[in-house]
Every structure is written in structure tokens, then in C-alpha cells.
């Protein structure tokens, strides 16, 4: 499942444009140019949107630490060991 996250690898400031590029499949530089042009034409309103996205978007997990769920059949069985007698 696709999730919108900030990029850890493709970032200049906060990884927002890199994360949007990964999510949409577009080039990150194209997203950055669109944000820059939109910021100039929108009198800086996209700066506020970028900061809000930076705060709200979770950071991407490192590649080696992705959560993998085990099925119940993959869990090894354990034998119960009786407790030692109390003295």
C-alpha cells in the first residue's frame, strides 16, 4: 500500500518534495520547480503549505527497518517447563 511520507534520501530541506515525488511517480526536481513557481505566483502561500506538510507528513522508515508481520503459523511453539519446587 502506498503511503505519503517524507523522503529520507531525496531531500533538500525537509524531504516533502521528495516524498511527494515518490508518491506520485514524478521527478523530485519537477515537484521542486512547481513549488518554487507556485510560491512566487502565490505570494509565498506555498511556504506555509510546505511547513504544514513537513510537520504532518511522517518520515519514511529506513529500508532495513520496515515492519514485517508474522503469521500465526510462523511462530515457533514453546514447551512449558515446570517451575522449580519452592523451598
PDB file of N, CA and C in Angstrom:
ATOM      1  N   UNK A   1       0.837  -1.166   0.000  1.00  0.00           N
ATOM      2  CA  UNK A   1       0.000   0.000   0.000  1.00  0.00           C
ATOM      3  C   UNK A   1       0.893   1.244   0.000  1.00  0.00           C
ATOM      4  N   UNK A   2       0.546   2.190  -0.846  1.00  0.00           N
ATOM      5  CA  UNK A   2       1.305   3.431  -0.959  1.00  0.00           C
ATOM      6  C   UNK A   2       0.968   4.354   0.201  1.00  0.00           C
ATOM      7  N   UNK A   3       2.006   4.986   0.768  1.00  0.00           N
ATOM      8  CA  UNK A   3       1.795   5.927   1.854  1.00  0.00           C
ATOM      9  C   UNK A   3       2.629   7.173   1.579  1.00  0.00           C
ATOM     10  N   UNK A   4       2.027   8.331   1.802  1.00  0.00           N
ATOM     11  CA  UNK A   4       2.718   9.598   1.602  1.00  0.00           C
ATOM     12  C   UNK A   4       3.602   9.877   2.809  1.00  0.00           C
ATOM     13  N   UNK A   5       4.917   9.810   2.600  1.00  0.00           N
ATOM     14  CA  UNK A   5       5.875  10.066   3.668  1.00  0.00           C
ATOM     15  C   UNK A   5       6.972  10.988   3.147  1.00  0.00           C
ATOM     16  N   UNK A   6       7.652  11.658   4.078  1.00  0.00           N
ATOM     17  CA  UNK A   6       8.793  12.487   3.696  1.00  0.00           C
ATOM     18  C   UNK A   6       9.964  11.587   3.333  1.00  0.00           C
ATOM     19  N   UNK A   7      10.696  11.971   2.304  1.00  0.00           N
ATOM     20  CA  UNK A   7      11.820  11.177   1.838  1.00  0.00           C
ATOM     21  C   UNK A   7      13.025  11.386   2.749  1.00  0.00           C
ATOM     22  N   UNK A   8      13.748  10.311   3.018  1.00  0.00           N
ATOM     23  CA  UNK A   8      14.990  10.406   3.786  1.00  0.00           C
ATOM     24  C   UNK A   8      16.192  10.583   2.859  1.00  0.00           C
ATOM     25  N   UNK A   9      16.049  10.132   1.615  1.00  0.00           N
ATOM     26  CA  UNK A   9      17.179  10.148   0.689  1.00  0.00           C
ATOM     27  C   UNK A   9      17.147  11.342  -0.254  1.00  0.00           C
ATOM     28  N   UNK A  10      15.982  11.656  -0.798  1.00  0.00           N
ATOM     29  CA  UNK A  10      15.844  12.701  -1.818  1.00  0.00           C
ATOM     30  C   UNK A  10      15.268  13.957  -1.185  1.00  0.00           C
ATOM     31  N   UNK A  11      16.110  14.683  -0.444  1.00  0.00           N
ATOM     32  CA  UNK A  11      15.606  15.883   0.220  1.00  0.00           C
ATOM     33  C   UNK A  11      16.625  17.006   0.149  1.00  0.00           C
ATOM     34  N   UNK A  12      16.098  18.221   0.122  1.00  0.00           N
ATOM     35  CA  UNK A  12      16.933  19.418   0.214  1.00  0.00           C
ATOM     36  C   UNK A  12      16.717  20.068   1.566  1.00  0.00           C
ATOM     37  N   UNK A  13      15.461  20.251   1.938  1.00  0.00           N
ATOM     38  CA  UNK A  13      15.155  20.893   3.217  1.00  0.00           C
ATOM     39  C   UNK A  13      14.528  19.880   4.163  1.00  0.00           C
ATOM     40  N   UNK A  14      13.305  19.459   3.872  1.00  0.00           N
ATOM     41  CA  UNK A  14      12.615  18.560   4.785  1.00  0.00           C
ATOM     42  C   UNK A  14      12.208  17.236   4.179  1.00  0.00           C
ATOM     43  N   UNK A  15      12.395  17.056   2.893  1.00  0.00           N
ATOM     44  CA  UNK A  15      12.019  15.815   2.241  1.00  0.00           C
ATOM     45  C   UNK A  15      10.585  15.767   1.756  1.00  0.00           C
ATOM     46  N   UNK A  16       9.861  16.900   1.853  1.00  0.00           N
ATOM     47  CA  UNK A  16       8.459  16.924   1.439  1.00  0.00           C
ATOM     48  C   UNK A  16       8.336  16.741  -0.070  1.00  0.00           C
ATOM     49  N   UNK A  17       9.090  17.494  -0.849  1.00  0.00           N
ATOM     50  CA  UNK A  17       9.013  17.377  -2.312  1.00  0.00           C
ATOM     51  C   UNK A  17       9.475  16.003  -2.780  1.00  0.00           C
ATOM     52  N   UNK A  18      10.503  15.448  -2.147  1.00  0.00           N
ATOM     53  CA  UNK A  18      10.958  14.105  -2.491  1.00  0.00           C
ATOM     54  C   UNK A  18       9.908  13.053  -2.166  1.00  0.00           C
ATOM     55  N   UNK A  19       9.206  13.229  -1.057  1.00  0.00           N
ATOM     56  CA  UNK A  19       8.145  12.297  -0.691  1.00  0.00           C
ATOM     57  C   UNK A  19       6.961  12.374  -1.638  1.00  0.00           C
ATOM     58  N   UNK A  20       6.599  13.594  -2.030  1.00  0.00           N
ATOM     59  CA  UNK A  20       5.507  13.770  -2.989  1.00  0.00           C
ATOM     60  C   UNK A  20       5.901  13.175  -4.335  1.00  0.00           C
ATOM     61  N   UNK A  21       7.158  13.355  -4.726  1.00  0.00           N
ATOM     62  CA  UNK A  21       7.629  12.795  -5.995  1.00  0.00           C
ATOM     63  C   UNK A  21       7.590  11.271  -5.971  1.00  0.00           C
ATOM     64  N   UNK A  22       7.991  10.669  -4.883  1.00  0.00           N
ATOM     65  CA  UNK A  22       7.943   9.215  -4.767  1.00  0.00           C
ATOM     66  C   UNK A  22       6.507   8.718  -4.807  1.00  0.00           C
ATOM     67  N   UNK A  23       5.614   9.426  -4.139  1.00  0.00           N
ATOM     68  CA  UNK A  23       4.203   9.027  -4.087  1.00  0.00           C
ATOM     69  C   UNK A  23       3.530   9.140  -5.452  1.00  0.00           C
ATOM     70  N   UNK A  24       3.839  10.219  -6.182  1.00  0.00           N
ATOM     71  CA  UNK A  24       3.179  10.442  -7.473  1.00  0.00           C
ATOM     72  C   UNK A  24       3.914   9.790  -8.639  1.00  0.00           C
ATOM     73  N   UNK A  25       5.177   9.430  -8.459  1.00  0.00           N
ATOM     74  CA  UNK A  25       5.950   8.845  -9.543  1.00  0.00           C
ATOM     75  C   UNK A  25       6.589   9.882 -10.451  1.00  0.00           C
ATOM     76  N   UNK A  26       6.552  11.146 -10.065  1.00  0.00           N
ATOM     77  CA  UNK A  26       7.174  12.220 -10.846  1.00  0.00           C
ATOM     78  C   UNK A  26       8.590  12.459 -10.358  1.00  0.00           C
ATOM     79  N   UNK A  27       9.351  13.242 -11.134  1.00  0.00           N
ATOM     80  CA  UNK A  27      10.707  13.609 -10.747  1.00  0.00           C
ATOM     81  C   UNK A  27      10.659  14.639  -9.619  1.00  0.00           C
ATOM     82  N   UNK A  28      11.535  14.492  -8.634  1.00  0.00           N
ATOM     83  CA  UNK A  28      11.548  15.399  -7.489  1.00  0.00           C
ATOM     84  C   UNK A  28      11.887  16.825  -7.912  1.00  0.00           C
ATOM     85  N   UNK A  29      12.759  16.985  -8.904  1.00  0.00           N
ATOM     86  CA  UNK A  29      13.109  18.327  -9.353  1.00  0.00           C
ATOM     87  C   UNK A  29      11.920  19.033 -10.008  1.00  0.00           C
ATOM     88  N   UNK A  30      11.079  18.281 -10.691  1.00  0.00           N
ATOM     89  CA  UNK A  30       9.866  18.854 -11.272  1.00  0.00           C
ATOM     90  C   UNK A  30       8.925  19.340 -10.163  1.00  0.00           C
ATOM     91  N   UNK A  31       8.788  18.564  -9.114  1.00  0.00           N
ATOM     92  CA  UNK A  31       7.954  18.977  -7.975  1.00  0.00           C
ATOM     93  C   UNK A  31       8.539  20.235  -7.338  1.00  0.00           C
ATOM     94  N   UNK A  32       9.853  20.282  -7.184  1.00  0.00           N
ATOM     95  CA  UNK A  32      10.504  21.458  -6.583  1.00  0.00           C
ATOM     96  C   UNK A  32      10.303  22.709  -7.432  1.00  0.00           C
ATOM     97  N   UNK A  33      10.387  22.559  -8.754  1.00  0.00           N
ATOM     98  CA  UNK A  33      10.168  23.709  -9.641  1.00  0.00           C
ATOM     99  C   UNK A  33       8.730  24.184  -9.529  1.00  0.00           C
ATOM    100  N   UNK A  34       7.779  23.242  -9.494  1.00  0.00           N
ATOM    101  CA  UNK A  34       6.371  23.628  -9.357  1.00  0.00           C
ATOM    102  C   UNK A  34       6.117  24.344  -8.031  1.00  0.00           C
ATOM    103  N   UNK A  35       6.751  23.888  -6.959  1.00  0.00           N
ATOM    104  CA  UNK A  35       6.595  24.548  -5.659  1.00  0.00           C
ATOM    105  C   UNK A  35       7.213  25.938  -5.693  1.00  0.00           C
ATOM    106  N   UNK A  36       8.388  26.081  -6.306  1.00  0.00           N
ATOM    107  CA  UNK A  36       9.029  27.395  -6.387  1.00  0.00           C
ATOM    108  C   UNK A  36       8.201  28.373  -7.199  1.00  0.00           C
ATOM    109  N   UNK A  37       7.707  27.935  -8.353  1.00  0.00           N
ATOM    110  CA  UNK A  37       6.881  28.808  -9.188  1.00  0.00           C
ATOM    111  C   UNK A  37       5.576  29.144  -8.476  1.00  0.00           C
ATOM    112  N   UNK A  38       4.975  28.145  -7.843  1.00  0.00           N
ATOM    113  CA  UNK A  38       3.743  28.388  -7.097  1.00  0.00           C
ATOM    114  C   UNK A  38       3.941  29.324  -5.921  1.00  0.00           C
ATOM    115  N   UNK A  39       5.104  29.257  -5.308  1.00  0.00           N
ATOM    116  CA  UNK A  39       5.393  30.158  -4.190  1.00  0.00           C
ATOM    117  C   UNK A  39       5.523  31.598  -4.682  1.00  0.00           C
ATOM    118  N   UNK A  40       6.209  31.790  -5.811  1.00  0.00           N
ATOM    119  CA  UNK A  40       6.374  33.143  -6.352  1.00  0.00           C
ATOM    120  C   UNK A  40       5.027  33.698  -6.822  1.00  0.00           C
ATOM    121  N   UNK A  41       4.265  32.898  -7.543  1.00  0.00           N
ATOM    122  CA  UNK A  41       2.980  33.373  -8.067  1.00  0.00           C
ATOM    123  C   UNK A  41       1.913  33.492  -6.983  1.00  0.00           C
ATOM    124  N   UNK A  42       2.029  32.708  -5.933  1.00  0.00           N
ATOM    125  CA  UNK A  42       1.048  32.740  -4.854  1.00  0.00           C
ATOM    126  C   UNK A  42       1.461  33.620  -3.696  1.00  0.00           C
ATOM    127  N   UNK A  43       2.470  34.448  -3.901  1.00  0.00           N
ATOM    128  CA  UNK A  43       2.946  35.388  -2.887  1.00  0.00           C
ATOM    129  C   UNK A  43       3.354  34.691  -1.590  1.00  0.00           C
ATOM    130  N   UNK A  44       3.977  33.531  -1.711  1.00  0.00           N
ATOM    131  CA  UNK A  44       4.531  32.843  -0.549  1.00  0.00           C
ATOM    132  C   UNK A  44       3.579  31.911   0.170  1.00  0.00           C
ATOM    133  N   UNK A  45       2.385  31.705  -0.373  1.00  0.00           N
ATOM    134  CA  UNK A  45       1.423  30.862   0.331  1.00  0.00           C
ATOM    135  C   UNK A  45       1.861  29.398   0.374  1.00  0.00           C
ATOM    136  N   UNK A  46       2.642  28.955  -0.605  1.00  0.00           N
ATOM    137  CA  UNK A  46       3.103  27.571  -0.596  1.00  0.00           C
ATOM    138  C   UNK A  46       4.182  27.326   0.452  1.00  0.00           C
ATOM    139  N   UNK A  47       4.813  28.375   0.933  1.00  0.00           N
ATOM    140  CA  UNK A  47       5.781  28.202   2.023  1.00  0.00           C
ATOM    141  C   UNK A  47       5.055  27.702   3.265  1.00  0.00           C
ATOM    142  N   UNK A  48       3.893  28.276   3.528  1.00  0.00           N
ATOM    143  CA  UNK A  48       3.087  27.839   4.671  1.00  0.00           C
ATOM    144  C   UNK A  48       2.631  26.395   4.456  1.00  0.00           C
ATOM    145  N   UNK A  49       2.197  26.071   3.246  1.00  0.00           N
ATOM    146  CA  UNK A  49       1.759  24.708   2.948  1.00  0.00           C
ATOM    147  C   UNK A  49       2.921  23.721   3.090  1.00  0.00           C
ATOM    148  N   UNK A  50       4.124  24.114   2.685  1.00  0.00           N
ATOM    149  CA  UNK A  50       5.297  23.243   2.807  1.00  0.00           C
ATOM    150  C   UNK A  50       5.610  22.965   4.278  1.00  0.00           C
ATOM    151  N   UNK A  51       5.569  23.999   5.095  1.00  0.00           N
ATOM    152  CA  UNK A  51       5.861  23.827   6.526  1.00  0.00           C
ATOM    153  C   UNK A  51       4.806  22.933   7.179  1.00  0.00           C
ATOM    154  N   UNK A  52       3.547  23.136   6.827  1.00  0.00           N
ATOM    155  CA  UNK A  52       2.482  22.296   7.380  1.00  0.00           C
ATOM    156  C   UNK A  52       2.684  20.843   6.949  1.00  0.00           C
ATOM    157  N   UNK A  53       3.021  20.617   5.682  1.00  0.00           N
ATOM    158  CA  UNK A  53       3.276  19.262   5.193  1.00  0.00           C
ATOM    159  C   UNK A  53       4.490  18.652   5.898  1.00  0.00           C
ATOM    160  N   UNK A  54       5.502  19.460   6.153  1.00  0.00           N
ATOM    161  CA  UNK A  54       6.698  18.995   6.849  1.00  0.00           C
ATOM    162  C   UNK A  54       6.337  18.513   8.255  1.00  0.00           C
ATOM    163  N   UNK A  55       5.428  19.212   8.910  1.00  0.00           N
ATOM    164  CA  UNK A  55       5.024  18.847  10.266  1.00  0.00           C
ATOM    165  C   UNK A  55       4.114  17.616  10.260  1.00  0.00           C
ATOM    166  N   UNK A  56       3.184  17.556   9.312  1.00  0.00           N
ATOM    167  CA  UNK A  56       2.170  16.499   9.329  1.00  0.00           C
ATOM    168  C   UNK A  56       2.599  15.190   8.667  1.00  0.00           C
ATOM    169  N   UNK A  57       3.482  15.255   7.676  1.00  0.00           N
ATOM    170  CA  UNK A  57       3.891  14.027   6.970  1.00  0.00           C
ATOM    171  C   UNK A  57       4.899  13.250   7.807  1.00  0.00           C
ATOM    172  N   UNK A  58       4.661  11.958   8.020  1.00  0.00           N
ATOM    173  CA  UNK A  58       5.647  11.170   8.757  1.00  0.00           C
ATOM    174  C   UNK A  58       6.880  10.907   7.896  1.00  0.00           C
ATOM    175  N   UNK A  59       8.013  10.737   8.545  1.00  0.00           N
ATOM    176  CA  UNK A  59       9.250  10.432   7.825  1.00  0.00           C
ATOM    177  C   UNK A  59       9.207   8.978   7.364  1.00  0.00           C
ATOM    178  N   UNK A  60       9.805   8.708   6.221  1.00  0.00           N
ATOM    179  CA  UNK A  60       9.863   7.341   5.700  1.00  0.00           C
ATOM    180  C   UNK A  60      10.768   6.504   6.588  1.00  0.00           C
ATOM    181  N   UNK A  61      10.406   5.233   6.744  1.00  0.00           N
ATOM    182  CA  UNK A  61      11.235   4.327   7.526  1.00  0.00           C
ATOM    183  C   UNK A  61      12.454   3.938   6.712  1.00  0.00           C
ATOM    184  N   UNK A  62      13.599   3.736   7.366  1.00  0.00           N
ATOM    185  CA  UNK A  62      14.769   3.229   6.644  1.00  0.00           C
ATOM    186  C   UNK A  62      14.445   1.872   6.020  1.00  0.00           C
ATOM    187  N   UNK A  63      15.099   1.558   4.922  1.00  0.00           N
ATOM    188  CA  UNK A  63      14.771   0.351   4.153  1.00  0.00           C
ATOM    189  C   UNK A  63      14.915  -0.922   4.981  1.00  0.00           C
ATOM    190  N   UNK A  64      15.857  -0.994   5.866  1.00  0.00           N
ATOM    191  CA  UNK A  64      16.074  -2.200   6.652  1.00  0.00           C
ATOM    192  C   UNK A  64      15.137  -2.351   7.825  1.00  0.00           C
ATOM    193  N   UNK A  65      14.346  -1.337   8.157  1.00  0.00           N
ATOM    194  CA  UNK A  65      13.507  -1.382   9.345  1.00  0.00           C
ATOM    195  C   UNK A  65      12.023  -1.374   9.020  1.00  0.00           C
ATOM    196  N   UNK A  66      11.646  -1.922   7.889  1.00  0.00           N
ATOM    197  CA  UNK A  66      10.239  -1.983   7.553  1.00  0.00           C
ATOM    198  C   UNK A  66       9.569  -3.054   8.393  1.00  0.00           C
ATOM    199  N   UNK A  67       8.358  -2.796   8.809  1.00  0.00           N
ATOM    200  CA  UNK A  67       7.635  -3.713   9.668  1.00  0.00           C
ATOM    201  C   UNK A  67       7.161  -4.919   8.867  1.00  0.00           C
ATOM    202  N   UNK A  68       7.486  -6.095   9.350  1.00  0.00           N
ATOM    203  CA  UNK A  68       7.049  -7.330   8.715  1.00  0.00           C
ATOM    204  C   UNK A  68       6.251  -8.102   9.758  1.00  0.00           C
ATOM    205  N   UNK A  69       5.034  -8.451   9.388  1.00  0.00           N
ATOM    206  CA  UNK A  69       4.164  -9.171  10.316  1.00  0.00           C
ATOM    207  C   UNK A  69       4.292 -10.669  10.080  1.00  0.00           C
ATOM    208  N   UNK A  70       4.397 -11.426  11.156  1.00  0.00           N
ATOM    209  CA  UNK A  70       4.468 -12.874  11.054  1.00  0.00           C
ATOM    210  C   UNK A  70       3.068 -13.456  11.187  1.00  0.00           C
ATOM    211  N   UNK A  71       2.828 -14.512  10.457  1.00  0.00           N
ATOM    212  CA  UNK A  71       1.553 -15.204  10.595  1.00  0.00           C
ATOM    213  C   UNK A  71       1.619 -16.119  11.804  1.00  0.00           C
ATOM    214  N   UNK A  72       0.473 -16.499  12.297  1.00  0.00           N
ATOM    215  CA  UNK A  72       0.420 -17.350  13.484  1.00  0.00           C
ATOM    216  C   UNK A  72       1.119 -18.683  13.248  1.00  0.00           C
ATOM    217  N   UNK A  73       1.144 -19.158  12.013  1.00  0.00           N
ATOM    218  CA  UNK A  73       1.801 -20.434  11.732  1.00  0.00           C
ATOM    219  C   UNK A  73       3.321 -20.292  11.707  1.00  0.00           C
ATOM    220  N   UNK A  74       3.819 -19.056  11.632  1.00  0.00           N
ATOM    221  CA  UNK A  74       5.263 -18.846  11.601  1.00  0.00           C
ATOM    222  C   UNK A  74       5.879 -18.756  12.997  1.00  0.00           C
ATOM    223  N   UNK A  75       5.057 -18.719  14.024  1.00  0.00           N
ATOM    224  CA  UNK A  75       5.553 -18.570  15.383  1.00  0.00           C
ATOM    225  C   UNK A  75       5.964 -19.939  15.902  1.00  0.00           C
ATOM    226  N   UNK A  76       7.198 -20.065  16.383  1.00  0.00           N
ATOM    227  CA  UNK A  76       7.623 -21.372  16.887  1.00  0.00           C
ATOM    228  C   UNK A  76       6.863 -21.722  18.170  1.00  0.00           C
ATOM    229  N   UNK A  77       6.611 -22.995  18.351  1.00  0.00           N
ATOM    230  CA  UNK A  77       5.923 -23.437  19.562  1.00  0.00           C
ATOM    231  C   UNK A  77       6.934 -23.562  20.685  1.00  0.00           C
ATOM    232  N   UNK A  78       6.487 -23.317  21.874  1.00  0.00           N
ATOM    233  CA  UNK A  78       7.353 -23.454  23.047  1.00  0.00           C
ATOM    234  C   UNK A  78       6.732 -24.484  23.974  1.00  0.00           C
ATOM    235  N   UNK A  79       7.572 -25.274  24.583  1.00  0.00           N
ATOM    236  CA  UNK A  79       7.093 -26.256  25.544  1.00  0.00           C
ATOM    237  C   UNK A  79       7.057 -25.612  26.905  1.00  0.00           C
ATOM    238  N   UNK A  80       6.063 -25.971  27.679  1.00  0.00           N
ATOM    239  CA  UNK A  80       6.008 -25.422  29.035  1.00  0.00           C
ATOM    240  C   UNK A  80       6.953 -26.213  29.928  1.00  0.00           C
ATOM    241  N   UNK A  81       7.714 -25.491  30.709  1.00  0.00           N
ATOM    242  CA  UNK A  81       8.681 -26.086  31.617  1.00  0.00           C
ATOM    243  C   UNK A  81       8.134 -25.885  33.020  1.00  0.00           C
ATOM    244  N   UNK A  82       8.064 -26.960  33.813  1.00  0.00           N
ATOM    245  CA  UNK A  82       7.530 -26.795  35.169  1.00  0.00           C
ATOM    246  C   UNK A  82       8.454 -25.935  36.012  1.00  0.00           C
ATOM    247  N   UNK A  83       7.868 -25.169  36.903  1.00  0.00           N
ATOM    248  CA  UNK A  83       8.639 -24.308  37.802  1.00  0.00           C
ATOM    249  C   UNK A  83       9.371 -25.168  38.820  1.00  0.00           C
ATOM    250  N   UNK A  84      10.541 -24.694  39.282  1.00  0.00           N
ATOM    251  CA  UNK A  84      11.263 -25.458  40.296  1.00  0.00           C
ATOM    252  C   UNK A  84      10.463 -25.447  41.609  1.00  0.00           C
ATOM    253  N   UNK A  85      10.603 -26.501  42.390  1.00  0.00           N
ATOM    254  CA  UNK A  85       9.849 -26.553  43.652  1.00  0.00           C
ATOM    255  C   UNK A  85      10.313 -25.457  44.598  1.00  0.00           C
ATOM    256  N   UNK A  86       9.359 -24.893  45.316  1.00  0.00           N
ATOM    257  CA  UNK A  86       9.718 -23.827  46.261  1.00  0.00           C
ATOM    258  C   UNK A  86      10.175 -24.465  47.575  1.00  0.00           C
ATOM    259  N   UNK A  87      11.134 -23.834  48.221  1.00  0.00           N
ATOM    260  CA  UNK A  87      11.704 -24.400  49.428  1.00  0.00           C
ATOM    261  C   UNK A  87      11.021 -23.926  50.669  1.00  0.00           C
TER     262      UNK A  87
END
